[in-house]
């Protein structure tokens, strides 16, 4: 059940040369952009400027 997901992650990470069916086709750009959007949102959510944590240097 998770083989297509694993194949997609391996392709995006550069471990595979052949794209899985989800990432190869007419609308293959949609999942690729979705991965980058999720990555950018995670970076923004965990960056110091948007979090409410107080950082104290000793």
PDB file of N, CA and C in Angstrom:
ATOM      1  N   UNK A   1       0.824  -1.192   0.000  1.00  0.00           N
ATOM      2  CA  UNK A   1       0.000   0.000   0.000  1.00  0.00           C
ATOM      3  C   UNK A   1       0.869   1.257   0.000  1.00  0.00           C
ATOM      4  N   UNK A   2       2.002   1.227   0.644  1.00  0.00           N
ATOM      5  CA  UNK A   2       2.852   2.401   0.731  1.00  0.00           C
ATOM      6  C   UNK A   2       3.957   2.409  -0.317  1.00  0.00           C
ATOM      7  N   UNK A   3       3.979   1.414  -1.180  1.00  0.00           N
ATOM      8  CA  UNK A   3       5.033   1.356  -2.204  1.00  0.00           C
ATOM      9  C   UNK A   3       5.019   2.559  -3.145  1.00  0.00           C
ATOM     10  N   UNK A   4       3.859   3.024  -3.624  1.00  0.00           N
ATOM     11  CA  UNK A   4       3.883   4.224  -4.484  1.00  0.00           C
ATOM     12  C   UNK A   4       4.403   5.461  -3.759  1.00  0.00           C
ATOM     13  N   UNK A   5       4.058   5.604  -2.492  1.00  0.00           N
ATOM     14  CA  UNK A   5       4.550   6.744  -1.717  1.00  0.00           C
ATOM     15  C   UNK A   5       6.061   6.652  -1.543  1.00  0.00           C
ATOM     16  N   UNK A   6       6.526   5.454  -1.230  1.00  0.00           N
ATOM     17  CA  UNK A   6       7.969   5.253  -1.070  1.00  0.00           C
ATOM     18  C   UNK A   6       8.705   5.515  -2.378  1.00  0.00           C
ATOM     19  N   UNK A   7       8.154   5.041  -3.486  1.00  0.00           N
ATOM     20  CA  UNK A   7       8.781   5.269  -4.789  1.00  0.00           C
ATOM     21  C   UNK A   7       8.819   6.761  -5.117  1.00  0.00           C
ATOM     22  N   UNK A   8       7.775   7.482  -4.772  1.00  0.00           N
ATOM     23  CA  UNK A   8       7.750   8.927  -5.012  1.00  0.00           C
ATOM     24  C   UNK A   8       8.782   9.665  -4.186  1.00  0.00           C
ATOM     25  N   UNK A   9       8.916   9.283  -2.913  1.00  0.00           N
ATOM     26  CA  UNK A   9       9.908   9.925  -2.054  1.00  0.00           C
ATOM     27  C   UNK A   9      11.318   9.606  -2.535  1.00  0.00           C
ATOM     28  N   UNK A  10      11.554   8.363  -2.929  1.00  0.00           N
ATOM     29  CA  UNK A  10      12.874   7.993  -3.435  1.00  0.00           C
ATOM     30  C   UNK A  10      13.203   8.742  -4.723  1.00  0.00           C
ATOM     31  N   UNK A  11      12.217   8.967  -5.560  1.00  0.00           N
ATOM     32  CA  UNK A  11      12.448   9.720  -6.793  1.00  0.00           C
ATOM     33  C   UNK A  11      12.768  11.180  -6.494  1.00  0.00           C
ATOM     34  N   UNK A  12      12.015  11.783  -5.565  1.00  0.00           N
ATOM     35  CA  UNK A  12      12.248  13.183  -5.226  1.00  0.00           C
ATOM     36  C   UNK A  12      13.593  13.378  -4.526  1.00  0.00           C
ATOM     37  N   UNK A  13      14.062  12.368  -3.813  1.00  0.00           N
ATOM     38  CA  UNK A  13      15.349  12.458  -3.114  1.00  0.00           C
ATOM     39  C   UNK A  13      16.521  12.098  -4.006  1.00  0.00           C
ATOM     40  N   UNK A  14      16.257  11.592  -5.190  1.00  0.00           N
ATOM     41  CA  UNK A  14      17.332  11.289  -6.122  1.00  0.00           C
ATOM     42  C   UNK A  14      17.832   9.862  -6.086  1.00  0.00           C
ATOM     43  N   UNK A  15      17.153   8.970  -5.392  1.00  0.00           N
ATOM     44  CA  UNK A  15      17.587   7.581  -5.322  1.00  0.00           C
ATOM     45  C   UNK A  15      17.161   6.787  -6.552  1.00  0.00           C
ATOM     46  N   UNK A  16      16.115   7.221  -7.220  1.00  0.00           N
ATOM     47  CA  UNK A  16      15.609   6.530  -8.413  1.00  0.00           C
ATOM     48  C   UNK A  16      15.731   7.434  -9.621  1.00  0.00           C
ATOM     49  N   UNK A  17      15.967   6.822 -10.771  1.00  0.00           N
ATOM     50  CA  UNK A  17      16.012   7.578 -12.015  1.00  0.00           C
ATOM     51  C   UNK A  17      14.663   7.618 -12.718  1.00  0.00           C
ATOM     52  N   UNK A  18      13.875   6.570 -12.562  1.00  0.00           N
ATOM     53  CA  UNK A  18      12.567   6.509 -13.219  1.00  0.00           C
ATOM     54  C   UNK A  18      11.486   7.031 -12.275  1.00  0.00           C
ATOM     55  N   UNK A  19      10.654   7.893 -12.798  1.00  0.00           N
ATOM     56  CA  UNK A  19       9.590   8.493 -11.991  1.00  0.00           C
ATOM     57  C   UNK A  19       8.434   7.520 -11.829  1.00  0.00           C
ATOM     58  N   UNK A  20       7.821   7.480 -10.650  1.00  0.00           N
ATOM     59  CA  UNK A  20       6.628   6.654 -10.460  1.00  0.00           C
ATOM     60  C   UNK A  20       5.463   7.244 -11.250  1.00  0.00           C
ATOM     61  N   UNK A  21       4.411   6.479 -11.442  1.00  0.00           N
ATOM     62  CA  UNK A  21       3.283   6.968 -12.264  1.00  0.00           C
ATOM     63  C   UNK A  21       2.664   8.277 -11.775  1.00  0.00           C
ATOM     64  N   UNK A  22       2.693   8.504 -10.468  1.00  0.00           N
ATOM     65  CA  UNK A  22       2.115   9.747  -9.940  1.00  0.00           C
ATOM     66  C   UNK A  22       2.919  10.965 -10.374  1.00  0.00           C
ATOM     67  N   UNK A  23       4.235  10.792 -10.514  1.00  0.00           N
ATOM     68  CA  UNK A  23       5.097  11.919 -10.843  1.00  0.00           C
ATOM     69  C   UNK A  23       5.530  11.936 -12.301  1.00  0.00           C
ATOM     70  N   UNK A  24       4.990  11.069 -13.096  1.00  0.00           N
ATOM     71  CA  UNK A  24       5.321  11.051 -14.525  1.00  0.00           C
ATOM     72  C   UNK A  24       4.018  11.106 -15.308  1.00  0.00           C
ATOM     73  N   UNK A  25       3.839  12.154 -16.028  1.00  0.00           N
ATOM     74  CA  UNK A  25       2.618  12.285 -16.800  1.00  0.00           C
ATOM     75  C   UNK A  25       2.314  13.735 -17.105  1.00  0.00           C
ATOM     76  N   UNK A  26       1.110  13.938 -17.539  1.00  0.00           N
ATOM     77  CA  UNK A  26       0.705  15.268 -17.972  1.00  0.00           C
ATOM     78  C   UNK A  26       0.642  16.268 -16.824  1.00  0.00           C
ATOM     79  N   UNK A  27       0.134  15.824 -15.698  1.00  0.00           N
ATOM     80  CA  UNK A  27      -0.013  16.724 -14.543  1.00  0.00           C
ATOM     81  C   UNK A  27       0.994  16.393 -13.450  1.00  0.00           C
ATOM     82  N   UNK A  28       2.190  16.026 -13.833  1.00  0.00           N
ATOM     83  CA  UNK A  28       3.224  15.650 -12.859  1.00  0.00           C
ATOM     84  C   UNK A  28       3.727  16.851 -12.078  1.00  0.00           C
ATOM     85  N   UNK A  29       3.533  18.037 -12.576  1.00  0.00           N
ATOM     86  CA  UNK A  29       4.024  19.226 -11.885  1.00  0.00           C
ATOM     87  C   UNK A  29       3.234  19.500 -10.612  1.00  0.00           C
ATOM     88  N   UNK A  30       2.003  19.033 -10.507  1.00  0.00           N
ATOM     89  CA  UNK A  30       1.175  19.320  -9.323  1.00  0.00           C
ATOM     90  C   UNK A  30       1.763  18.691  -8.058  1.00  0.00           C
ATOM     91  N   UNK A  31       2.080  17.377  -8.039  1.00  0.00           N
ATOM     92  CA  UNK A  31       2.670  16.841  -6.809  1.00  0.00           C
ATOM     93  C   UNK A  31       4.071  17.390  -6.522  1.00  0.00           C
ATOM     94  N   UNK A  32       4.806  17.724  -7.570  1.00  0.00           N
ATOM     95  CA  UNK A  32       6.139  18.291  -7.342  1.00  0.00           C
ATOM     96  C   UNK A  32       6.036  19.651  -6.673  1.00  0.00           C
ATOM     97  N   UNK A  33       5.143  20.491  -7.133  1.00  0.00           N
ATOM     98  CA  UNK A  33       4.953  21.796  -6.495  1.00  0.00           C
ATOM     99  C   UNK A  33       4.360  21.650  -5.100  1.00  0.00           C
ATOM    100  N   UNK A  34       3.506  20.648  -4.916  1.00  0.00           N
ATOM    101  CA  UNK A  34       2.915  20.435  -3.595  1.00  0.00           C
ATOM    102  C   UNK A  34       3.992  20.096  -2.568  1.00  0.00           C
ATOM    103  N   UNK A  35       4.981  19.320  -2.973  1.00  0.00           N
ATOM    104  CA  UNK A  35       6.079  18.987  -2.068  1.00  0.00           C
ATOM    105  C   UNK A  35       6.828  20.246  -1.660  1.00  0.00           C
ATOM    106  N   UNK A  36       7.097  21.133  -2.609  1.00  0.00           N
ATOM    107  CA  UNK A  36       7.818  22.369  -2.293  1.00  0.00           C
ATOM    108  C   UNK A  36       6.975  23.311  -1.445  1.00  0.00           C
ATOM    109  N   UNK A  37       5.683  23.362  -1.687  1.00  0.00           N
ATOM    110  CA  UNK A  37       4.811  24.219  -0.876  1.00  0.00           C
ATOM    111  C   UNK A  37       4.789  23.730   0.563  1.00  0.00           C
ATOM    112  N   UNK A  38       4.682  22.426   0.762  1.00  0.00           N
ATOM    113  CA  UNK A  38       4.701  21.865   2.117  1.00  0.00           C
ATOM    114  C   UNK A  38       6.039  22.157   2.788  1.00  0.00           C
ATOM    115  N   UNK A  39       7.141  22.001   2.050  1.00  0.00           N
ATOM    116  CA  UNK A  39       8.459  22.277   2.624  1.00  0.00           C
ATOM    117  C   UNK A  39       8.587  23.748   3.031  1.00  0.00           C
ATOM    118  N   UNK A  40       8.135  24.652   2.195  1.00  0.00           N
ATOM    119  CA  UNK A  40       8.211  26.080   2.510  1.00  0.00           C
ATOM    120  C   UNK A  40       7.336  26.419   3.712  1.00  0.00           C
ATOM    121  N   UNK A  41       6.159  25.838   3.800  1.00  0.00           N
ATOM    122  CA  UNK A  41       5.286  26.093   4.947  1.00  0.00           C
ATOM    123  C   UNK A  41       5.888  25.562   6.244  1.00  0.00           C
ATOM    124  N   UNK A  42       6.524  24.397   6.191  1.00  0.00           N
ATOM    125  CA  UNK A  42       7.170  23.864   7.386  1.00  0.00           C
ATOM    126  C   UNK A  42       8.354  24.732   7.817  1.00  0.00           C
ATOM    127  N   UNK A  43       9.111  25.207   6.854  1.00  0.00           N
ATOM    128  CA  UNK A  43      10.230  26.083   7.184  1.00  0.00           C
ATOM    129  C   UNK A  43       9.720  27.365   7.819  1.00  0.00           C
ATOM    130  N   UNK A  44       8.676  27.933   7.280  1.00  0.00           N
ATOM    131  CA  UNK A  44       8.113  29.164   7.837  1.00  0.00           C
ATOM    132  C   UNK A  44       7.546  28.924   9.236  1.00  0.00           C
ATOM    133  N   UNK A  45       6.871  27.804   9.423  1.00  0.00           N
ATOM    134  CA  UNK A  45       6.245  27.519  10.715  1.00  0.00           C
ATOM    135  C   UNK A  45       7.281  27.321  11.810  1.00  0.00           C
ATOM    136  N   UNK A  46       8.428  26.757  11.467  1.00  0.00           N
ATOM    137  CA  UNK A  46       9.431  26.483  12.484  1.00  0.00           C
ATOM    138  C   UNK A  46      10.577  27.484  12.501  1.00  0.00           C
ATOM    139  N   UNK A  47      10.472  28.540  11.734  1.00  0.00           N
ATOM    140  CA  UNK A  47      11.521  29.559  11.780  1.00  0.00           C
ATOM    141  C   UNK A  47      11.334  30.410  13.033  1.00  0.00           C
ATOM    142  N   UNK A  48      12.392  31.044  13.469  1.00  0.00           N
ATOM    143  CA  UNK A  48      12.345  31.817  14.707  1.00  0.00           C
ATOM    144  C   UNK A  48      11.464  33.040  14.635  1.00  0.00           C
ATOM    145  N   UNK A  49      11.235  33.582  13.453  1.00  0.00           N
ATOM    146  CA  UNK A  49      10.457  34.803  13.336  1.00  0.00           C
ATOM    147  C   UNK A  49       8.966  34.570  13.507  1.00  0.00           C
ATOM    148  N   UNK A  50       8.495  33.372  13.191  1.00  0.00           N
ATOM    149  CA  UNK A  50       7.065  33.137  13.286  1.00  0.00           C
ATOM    150  C   UNK A  50       6.672  32.385  14.544  1.00  0.00           C
ATOM    151  N   UNK A  51       7.634  31.810  15.247  1.00  0.00           N
ATOM    152  CA  UNK A  51       7.300  31.058  16.450  1.00  0.00           C
ATOM    153  C   UNK A  51       7.222  31.998  17.652  1.00  0.00           C
ATOM    154  N   UNK A  52       6.570  31.552  18.681  1.00  0.00           N
ATOM    155  CA  UNK A  52       6.363  32.369  19.873  1.00  0.00           C
ATOM    156  C   UNK A  52       7.319  31.989  21.002  1.00  0.00           C
ATOM    157  N   UNK A  53       8.373  31.257  20.693  1.00  0.00           N
ATOM    158  CA  UNK A  53       9.318  30.851  21.717  1.00  0.00           C
ATOM    159  C   UNK A  53      10.273  31.995  22.035  1.00  0.00           C
ATOM    160  N   UNK A  54      10.753  32.020  23.266  1.00  0.00           N
ATOM    161  CA  UNK A  54      11.745  33.012  23.683  1.00  0.00           C
ATOM    162  C   UNK A  54      13.095  32.294  23.748  1.00  0.00           C
ATOM    163  N   UNK A  55      14.037  32.805  23.018  1.00  0.00           N
ATOM    164  CA  UNK A  55      15.366  32.211  22.987  1.00  0.00           C
ATOM    165  C   UNK A  55      16.282  33.008  23.916  1.00  0.00           C
ATOM    166  N   UNK A  56      16.937  32.304  24.814  1.00  0.00           N
ATOM    167  CA  UNK A  56      17.840  32.962  25.758  1.00  0.00           C
ATOM    168  C   UNK A  56      19.220  32.363  25.552  1.00  0.00           C
ATOM    169  N   UNK A  57      20.200  33.223  25.306  1.00  0.00           N
ATOM    170  CA  UNK A  57      21.579  32.783  25.158  1.00  0.00           C
ATOM    171  C   UNK A  57      22.309  33.004  26.470  1.00  0.00           C
ATOM    172  N   UNK A  58      23.013  32.000  26.909  1.00  0.00           N
ATOM    173  CA  UNK A  58      23.785  32.111  28.146  1.00  0.00           C
ATOM    174  C   UNK A  58      25.240  32.258  27.811  1.00  0.00           C
TER     175      UNK A  58
END
